[in-house]
Protein backbone atom coordinates (compact mmCIF):
# COMPACT_ATOMS: atom_id res chain seq x y z
CA UNK A 1 -65.95 -170.66 -133.46
CA UNK A 2 -67.25 -168.90 -136.59
CA UNK A 3 -65.50 -165.73 -135.51
CA UNK A 4 -62.16 -167.58 -135.21
CA UNK A 5 -62.62 -169.14 -138.66
CA UNK A 6 -63.45 -165.75 -140.18
CA UNK A 7 -60.42 -164.12 -138.57
CA UNK A 8 -58.23 -167.01 -139.74
CA UNK A 9 -59.58 -166.72 -143.28
CA UNK A 10 -58.96 -162.97 -143.34
CA UNK A 11 -55.42 -163.51 -142.06
CA UNK A 12 -54.67 -166.12 -144.73
CA UNK A 13 -56.11 -163.93 -147.51
CA UNK A 14 -54.07 -160.96 -146.24
CA UNK A 15 -50.87 -163.01 -146.15
CA UNK A 16 -51.43 -164.40 -149.65
CA UNK A 17 -52.29 -160.95 -151.05
CA UNK A 18 -49.21 -159.44 -149.42
CA UNK A 19 -47.02 -162.20 -150.81
CA UNK A 20 -48.39 -161.73 -154.32
CA UNK A 21 -48.00 -157.96 -154.11
CA UNK A 22 -44.51 -157.78 -152.63
CA UNK A 23 -42.86 -161.06 -153.59
CA UNK A 24 -43.88 -161.44 -157.21
CA UNK A 25 -41.44 -163.46 -159.25
CA UNK A 26 -40.40 -161.61 -162.37
CA UNK A 27 -37.80 -163.29 -164.51
CA UNK A 28 -34.22 -162.23 -164.13
CA UNK A 29 -31.81 -163.36 -166.79
CA UNK A 30 -28.22 -162.85 -167.67
CA UNK A 31 -28.30 -162.71 -171.44
CA UNK A 32 -25.34 -161.92 -173.64
CA UNK A 33 -23.36 -160.86 -170.59
CA UNK A 34 -26.13 -158.59 -169.27
CA UNK A 35 -28.12 -159.26 -166.11
CA UNK A 36 -31.46 -157.47 -166.13
CA UNK A 37 -34.43 -157.20 -163.81
CA UNK A 38 -37.08 -158.02 -166.42
CA UNK A 39 -40.60 -159.39 -166.37
CA UNK A 40 -41.80 -162.49 -168.21
CA UNK A 41 -42.07 -160.46 -171.44
CA UNK A 42 -38.49 -159.20 -171.14
CA UNK A 43 -39.59 -155.68 -170.15
CA UNK A 44 -37.36 -153.80 -167.72
CA UNK A 45 -38.33 -151.27 -164.97
CA UNK A 46 -41.86 -152.73 -164.89
CA UNK A 47 -42.55 -150.85 -168.11
CA UNK A 48 -41.57 -147.41 -166.82
CA UNK A 49 -39.96 -144.99 -169.27
CA UNK A 50 -36.26 -144.55 -168.38
CA UNK A 51 -36.02 -141.25 -170.24
CA UNK A 52 -38.86 -139.71 -168.20
CA UNK A 53 -36.80 -139.93 -165.02
CA UNK A 54 -34.40 -137.44 -166.64
CA UNK A 55 -36.74 -135.26 -168.71
CA UNK A 56 -39.88 -135.22 -166.54
CA UNK A 57 -38.08 -135.66 -163.19
CA UNK A 58 -40.50 -138.43 -162.26
CA UNK A 59 -41.35 -142.03 -163.14
CA UNK A 60 -43.83 -142.33 -166.01
CA UNK A 61 -45.33 -145.58 -167.30
CA UNK A 62 -44.25 -146.41 -170.82
CA UNK A 63 -46.38 -147.64 -173.70
CA UNK A 64 -45.51 -150.88 -175.51
CA UNK A 65 -46.04 -149.16 -178.87
CA UNK A 66 -42.89 -147.12 -178.11
CA UNK A 67 -40.26 -149.76 -177.41
CA UNK A 68 -36.56 -150.42 -177.85
CA UNK A 69 -34.20 -153.29 -177.08
CA UNK A 70 -30.94 -152.64 -175.27
CA UNK A 71 -28.52 -155.05 -173.60
CA UNK A 72 -31.00 -157.92 -173.49
CA UNK A 73 -33.99 -155.97 -172.16
CA UNK A 74 -37.03 -154.30 -173.70
CA UNK A 75 -37.66 -150.70 -172.69
CA UNK A 76 -41.04 -148.96 -173.02
CA UNK A 77 -41.41 -145.20 -173.46
CA UNK A 78 -44.17 -142.67 -172.89
CA UNK A 79 -43.64 -141.08 -176.31
CA UNK A 80 -41.90 -141.46 -179.65
CA UNK A 81 -39.60 -138.57 -178.65
CA UNK A 82 -38.44 -140.47 -175.57
CA UNK A 83 -37.94 -143.60 -177.64
CA UNK A 84 -35.71 -141.68 -180.06
CA UNK A 85 -33.74 -140.03 -177.24
CA UNK A 86 -33.08 -143.45 -175.75
CA UNK A 87 -32.11 -145.02 -179.06
CA UNK A 88 -29.63 -142.21 -179.72
CA UNK A 89 -27.79 -142.73 -176.39
CA UNK A 90 -29.18 -145.71 -174.45
CA UNK A 91 -26.21 -145.82 -172.08
CA UNK A 92 -27.23 -142.36 -170.80
CA UNK A 93 -30.76 -143.46 -169.84
CA UNK A 94 -30.57 -147.15 -168.93
CA UNK A 95 -30.75 -147.78 -165.19
CA UNK A 96 -27.65 -148.85 -163.35
CA UNK A 97 -27.17 -152.44 -162.21
CA UNK A 98 -29.66 -153.93 -164.66
CA UNK A 99 -32.52 -152.16 -162.85
CA UNK A 100 -31.83 -154.05 -159.63
CA UNK A 101 -31.77 -152.27 -156.27
CA UNK A 102 -28.63 -150.13 -155.95
CA UNK A 103 -28.38 -150.67 -152.20
CA UNK A 104 -28.70 -154.45 -152.55
CA UNK A 105 -25.95 -154.49 -155.19
CA UNK A 106 -23.74 -152.43 -152.86
CA UNK A 107 -23.95 -155.25 -150.30
CA UNK A 108 -23.49 -157.97 -152.91
CA UNK A 109 -27.13 -159.00 -153.32
CA UNK A 110 -29.97 -158.74 -155.84
CA UNK A 111 -33.39 -157.32 -155.03
CA UNK A 112 -36.20 -156.12 -157.28
CA UNK A 113 -37.06 -152.43 -157.33
CA UNK A 114 -39.93 -150.08 -156.80
CA UNK A 115 -39.68 -147.85 -159.91
CA UNK A 116 -40.98 -144.90 -157.89
CA UNK A 117 -37.99 -144.99 -155.52
CA UNK A 118 -35.05 -143.65 -157.47
CA UNK A 119 -32.37 -141.04 -157.77
CA UNK A 120 -30.24 -139.60 -160.51
CA UNK A 121 -26.66 -139.00 -159.44
CA UNK A 122 -23.93 -137.91 -161.84
CA UNK A 123 -26.21 -138.74 -164.76
CA UNK A 124 -26.88 -142.28 -163.48
CA UNK A 125 -30.38 -143.61 -162.82
CA UNK A 126 -30.30 -145.70 -159.64
CA UNK A 127 -33.43 -147.55 -158.55
CA UNK A 128 -34.09 -148.91 -155.06
CA UNK A 129 -36.19 -151.69 -153.53
CA UNK A 130 -37.65 -149.69 -150.64
CA UNK A 131 -37.40 -146.28 -148.98
CA UNK A 132 -35.20 -147.92 -146.35
CA UNK A 133 -32.82 -149.16 -149.07
CA UNK A 134 -32.75 -145.64 -150.53
CA UNK A 135 -31.88 -144.19 -147.11
CA UNK A 136 -29.18 -146.78 -146.41
CA UNK A 137 -27.64 -146.26 -149.86
CA UNK A 138 -27.53 -142.50 -149.33
CA UNK A 139 -26.26 -142.64 -145.75
CA UNK A 140 -22.78 -142.78 -147.31
CA UNK A 141 -23.44 -142.36 -151.02
CA UNK A 142 -19.81 -142.31 -152.14
CA UNK A 143 -19.03 -145.59 -150.40
CA UNK A 144 -22.30 -147.20 -151.50
CA UNK A 145 -21.85 -146.34 -155.18
CA UNK A 146 -18.23 -147.46 -155.08
CA UNK A 147 -19.20 -150.81 -153.53
CA UNK A 148 -22.09 -151.28 -155.97
CA UNK A 149 -19.81 -150.57 -158.93
CA UNK A 150 -17.24 -153.04 -157.55
CA UNK A 151 -19.81 -155.76 -156.80
CA UNK A 152 -21.80 -155.57 -160.03
CA UNK A 153 -19.38 -157.44 -162.35
CA UNK A 154 -19.12 -160.36 -159.90
CA UNK A 155 -22.90 -160.49 -159.46
CA UNK A 156 -23.37 -160.62 -163.23
CA UNK A 157 -20.71 -163.31 -163.61
CA UNK A 158 -22.31 -165.36 -160.83
CA UNK A 159 -25.70 -165.32 -162.57
CA UNK A 160 -24.54 -165.42 -166.18
CA UNK A 161 -26.81 -167.70 -168.15
CA UNK A 162 -28.85 -168.75 -165.12
CA UNK A 163 -32.47 -167.71 -164.68
CA UNK A 164 -32.76 -166.11 -161.24
CA UNK A 165 -35.89 -166.02 -159.13
CA UNK A 166 -36.58 -164.85 -155.59
CA UNK A 167 -37.44 -167.25 -152.81
CA UNK A 168 -40.09 -166.56 -150.17
CA UNK A 169 -37.57 -164.51 -148.17
CA UNK A 170 -36.75 -162.26 -151.12
CA UNK A 171 -33.35 -163.81 -151.80
CA UNK A 172 -32.27 -164.63 -155.35
CA UNK A 173 -31.96 -168.30 -156.19
CA UNK A 174 -30.54 -169.90 -159.34
CA UNK A 175 -33.22 -171.90 -161.08
CA UNK A 176 -32.68 -175.12 -162.97
CA UNK A 177 -35.46 -174.24 -165.44
């Protein structure tokens, strides 16, 4: 009996920990016509430096002391140099699709991202939710990017002014908060 209770407790703790790790609920807001994948502090890309993807060829955590606002989101940078590069041409460094998963957008959905799963194509930073999403997006890149570009304006319009959160299945839901 004790063994069954212990196994049940371990299973519940594992499920709760997995939920908290993979289904966290950052805040997603359409603000001023921009829909961004931001946390509760308004920070995009989980605080990763968008410039580092281009200059360092890898994701690098930013520092809140180097910050800039762009299109309704706060960006953090690893250095003052990166902050200045971004401020001079933010459109060249900001992630596509408000830092939502490129594959999800290509199929008309919103999903959060793993900032370590990314690609830069034609000067565009595209983040993905999972390795599987990355693979599906790149199975036919030209079609995927075309669909994502076509879907994005409608997704933004659909969520404009509505806080968006994910339900337990990872689907976006409009909140009445």
